[in-house]
Every structure is written in C-alpha cells, then in structure tokens.
Protein backbone atom coordinates (compact mmCIF):
# COMPACT_ATOMS: atom_id res chain seq x y z
CA MET A 1 56.72 84.25 33.78
CA ARG A 2 54.67 83.86 30.57
CA SER A 3 56.25 84.19 27.16
CA ALA A 4 55.27 86.94 24.72
CA ALA A 5 53.40 84.37 22.64
CA THR A 6 51.21 83.28 25.54
CA ARG A 7 50.57 86.87 26.64
CA ARG A 8 49.25 87.75 23.21
CA LYS A 9 45.53 87.37 22.99
CA ALA A 10 44.40 84.62 20.63
CA ALA A 11 43.26 85.99 17.31
CA ASP A 12 39.50 86.51 17.14
CA VAL A 13 38.32 84.50 14.13
CA SER A 14 34.60 84.83 14.83
CA GLY A 15 32.16 85.73 12.09
CA THR A 16 31.40 88.97 13.92
CA HIS A 17 35.06 90.00 13.99
CA LEU A 18 35.43 89.07 10.32
CA TRP A 19 32.43 91.27 9.50
CA LEU A 20 33.86 94.15 11.53
CA VAL A 21 37.27 93.95 9.82
CA LEU A 22 35.64 93.72 6.38
CA MET A 23 33.37 96.67 7.14
CA LYS A 24 36.29 98.86 8.24
CA ALA A 25 38.34 97.90 5.17
CA HIS A 26 35.32 98.54 2.93
CA ARG A 27 34.74 101.98 4.45
CA ALA A 28 38.38 102.96 3.98
CA LEU A 29 38.41 101.76 0.36
CA GLU A 30 35.04 103.39 -0.33
CA ARG A 31 36.28 106.76 1.00
CA LEU A 32 39.39 106.50 -1.17
CA ALA A 33 37.39 105.41 -4.22
CA THR A 34 34.92 108.27 -3.77
CA GLN A 35 37.75 110.81 -3.45
CA SER A 36 39.50 109.33 -6.48
CA ILE A 37 36.42 109.35 -8.69
CA GLU A 38 35.18 112.77 -7.61
CA SER A 39 38.65 114.26 -8.16
CA LEU A 40 38.22 113.24 -11.80
CA ASP A 41 35.09 115.46 -12.07
CA VAL A 42 32.69 112.50 -12.20
CA CYS A 43 30.15 111.39 -9.61
CA LEU A 44 29.96 107.76 -8.46
CA SER A 45 26.82 106.83 -10.40
CA ASP A 46 28.15 108.38 -13.63
CA PHE A 47 31.44 106.53 -13.12
CA GLY A 48 29.56 103.26 -12.63
CA VAL A 49 27.64 103.74 -15.87
CA MET A 50 30.74 104.75 -17.84
CA GLU A 51 32.83 101.89 -16.44
CA LEU A 52 30.15 99.33 -17.30
CA LEU A 53 29.72 100.65 -20.84
CA LEU A 54 33.49 100.84 -21.34
CA HIS A 55 34.05 97.22 -20.33
CA LYS A 56 30.76 95.56 -21.37
CA GLY A 57 29.67 97.65 -24.36
CA PRO A 58 26.21 99.12 -25.05
CA GLN A 59 23.57 98.12 -22.49
CA PRO A 60 19.81 98.46 -22.03
CA VAL A 61 18.99 101.07 -19.38
CA ASN A 62 17.37 98.53 -17.05
CA GLU A 63 20.40 96.22 -17.31
CA ILE A 64 22.71 99.07 -16.30
CA GLY A 65 20.66 99.57 -13.15
CA ARG A 66 20.71 95.89 -12.31
CA ARG A 67 24.45 95.52 -12.88
CA ILE A 68 25.56 98.53 -10.85
CA ALA A 69 22.76 98.34 -8.27
CA LEU A 70 21.13 101.72 -8.86
CA THR A 71 17.44 102.55 -9.00
CA SER A 72 15.82 103.34 -12.33
CA GLY A 73 15.56 107.00 -11.27
CA ALA A 74 19.27 107.18 -10.42
CA ILE A 75 20.19 105.53 -13.72
CA THR A 76 17.97 107.91 -15.69
CA THR A 77 19.57 110.90 -13.94
CA ALA A 78 23.10 109.59 -14.55
CA VAL A 79 22.40 108.84 -18.21
CA ASP A 80 20.80 112.30 -18.61
CA ARG A 81 23.95 113.94 -17.20
CA LEU A 82 26.26 111.85 -19.38
CA GLU A 83 24.13 112.50 -22.46
CA ALA A 84 24.13 116.26 -21.78
CA ARG A 85 27.95 116.12 -21.70
CA GLY A 86 28.03 114.26 -25.03
CA LEU A 87 29.46 111.11 -23.44
CA VAL A 88 26.61 108.67 -24.17
CA THR A 89 23.69 108.27 -26.53
CA ARG A 90 20.35 106.52 -26.04
CA GLU A 91 18.96 104.58 -28.95
CA ALA A 92 15.89 102.45 -29.52
CA HIS A 93 16.47 98.69 -29.28
CA GLU A 94 16.33 96.97 -32.69
CA SER A 95 13.58 94.50 -31.77
CA ASP A 96 11.94 96.10 -28.72
CA ARG A 97 11.13 99.77 -29.23
CA ARG A 98 10.24 100.14 -25.52
CA THR A 99 13.85 99.38 -24.57
CA ARG A 100 16.53 102.06 -24.79
CA ILE A 101 20.16 101.11 -25.36
CA VAL A 102 22.87 103.34 -23.88
CA ARG A 103 26.26 103.49 -25.56
CA LEU A 104 29.39 105.55 -25.11
CA THR A 105 30.16 108.10 -27.80
CA ALA A 106 33.73 108.34 -29.13
CA ARG A 107 34.30 111.20 -26.69
CA GLY A 108 32.69 109.12 -23.94
CA LYS A 109 35.02 106.18 -24.64
CA GLU A 110 38.02 108.47 -24.46
CA GLN A 111 36.90 110.09 -21.20
CA ALA A 112 35.79 106.79 -19.63
CA GLY A 113 39.17 105.25 -20.46
CA SER A 114 40.99 108.21 -18.93
CA VAL A 115 38.81 108.32 -15.81
CA PHE A 116 39.04 104.56 -15.29
CA ALA A 117 42.83 104.59 -15.73
CA GLY A 118 43.18 107.33 -13.10
CA HIS A 119 40.93 105.50 -10.66
CA LYS A 120 42.69 102.18 -11.32
CA ALA A 121 46.04 103.76 -10.45
CA VAL A 122 44.68 104.98 -7.10
CA MET A 123 43.13 101.60 -6.28
CA ASP A 124 46.30 99.75 -7.32
CA SER A 125 48.27 102.01 -5.00
CA ALA A 126 45.84 101.30 -2.15
CA ALA A 127 46.25 97.56 -2.71
CA SER A 128 50.04 97.76 -2.94
CA GLY A 129 50.35 96.64 0.67
CA LEU A 130 49.41 93.16 -0.55
CA ALA A 131 51.50 91.02 -2.88
CA LYS A 132 49.76 89.94 -6.10
CA THR A 133 49.44 86.41 -4.74
CA GLU A 134 47.82 87.79 -1.58
CA ARG A 135 45.40 89.84 -3.67
CA ALA A 136 44.46 86.77 -5.71
CA MET A 137 43.91 84.76 -2.54
CA LEU A 138 41.86 87.56 -0.95
CA ILE A 139 39.67 87.86 -4.04
CA GLU A 140 39.07 84.12 -4.05
CA LEU A 141 38.26 84.06 -0.32
CA LEU A 142 35.92 87.07 -0.54
CA ARG A 143 34.03 85.47 -3.43
CA LYS A 144 33.67 82.30 -1.37
CA LEU A 145 32.48 84.33 1.63
CA GLY A 146 30.02 86.26 -0.55
CA THR A 147 28.56 83.05 -1.91
CA SER A 148 28.20 81.57 1.57
CA ALA A 149 26.65 84.74 3.00
CA GLY A 150 24.27 84.96 0.03
CA GLU A 151 23.12 81.39 0.59
CA HIS A 152 22.50 82.08 4.28
CA ALA A 153 20.59 85.27 3.46
CA GLN A 154 18.30 83.32 1.11
CA LEU A 155 17.64 80.68 3.77
CA GLU A 156 16.41 83.36 6.17
CA GLU A 157 14.00 85.00 3.72
C-alpha cells in the first residue's frame, strides 16, 4: 500500500502552470481592485491618474500615459473628467509650451489621499493571507520573473 505522500501528485512547477496560477491570482485581485475603486466613485483610469499624481507629483500628460499604460485618448478623457470635478489642473510647461503638466488641486490631493487609503485597506486585507515576509519574497520573485519574461519577449521580437 502506498503512503499518502506517494499518492499525492507531484507539484506541477512548469512555466505553463506558473502562468496559469499567476493569471488566476491576477484576475481575482483585479476583480477586487475594480470593485474597491469603483465603490469609491472613481473609475480605474481616473484612479490611476490620481494615484500617480499623489505619489509622484505633477506630470506631463504623455508621461502619465506611459507610466500607467493608457492611450493618449484615455488619458485626455480621464484628465478632462478630473478637471471637470476640480481635482486636477492642466498648465503649460515652463520651457515647452506644447507640453501640458497635470497637477492635483488641494481638493484633488485630499480626495486622492482618501480614495487611495480606502483602496489600500482593501488590498491589504486581500493580502492578509500572506505574512509580511512572504509578501516581500513574492514581490521579489515576481520582479525577477517579470524581468526574465521581458528579456524573453524582446528576444522573440
């Protein structure tokens, strides 16, 4: 008779299984993040813009798009919405008048801080199944995986 250990199937550590597990975890976290952000009366693109400006300060419009991976049209629409709500302003760049700088207003900073704090609490709760040391290790491993995958993607181009 085989022991329980030998009856258990060996763990699948293939790249395909890793991708599948990551994809499922990403989808679950993305659903939770979307629910969290939308419950705060902000859409995802607006949240991305506000979060970037809150943590990185005023940014050129094109840099916002690059940093949060949105098209120029999506960024323009998000900035228009935020500007209409009095949360951001657009100003001419000091040395390049073609470039517009987006910055949070005082009201925008207050709302961005509140929205981000609410979202952070939800994400911290979702990650509470992992100890802080496990989170740190996972972050390090995912960065390493991202670098490796990025290098392989460039080789195939």
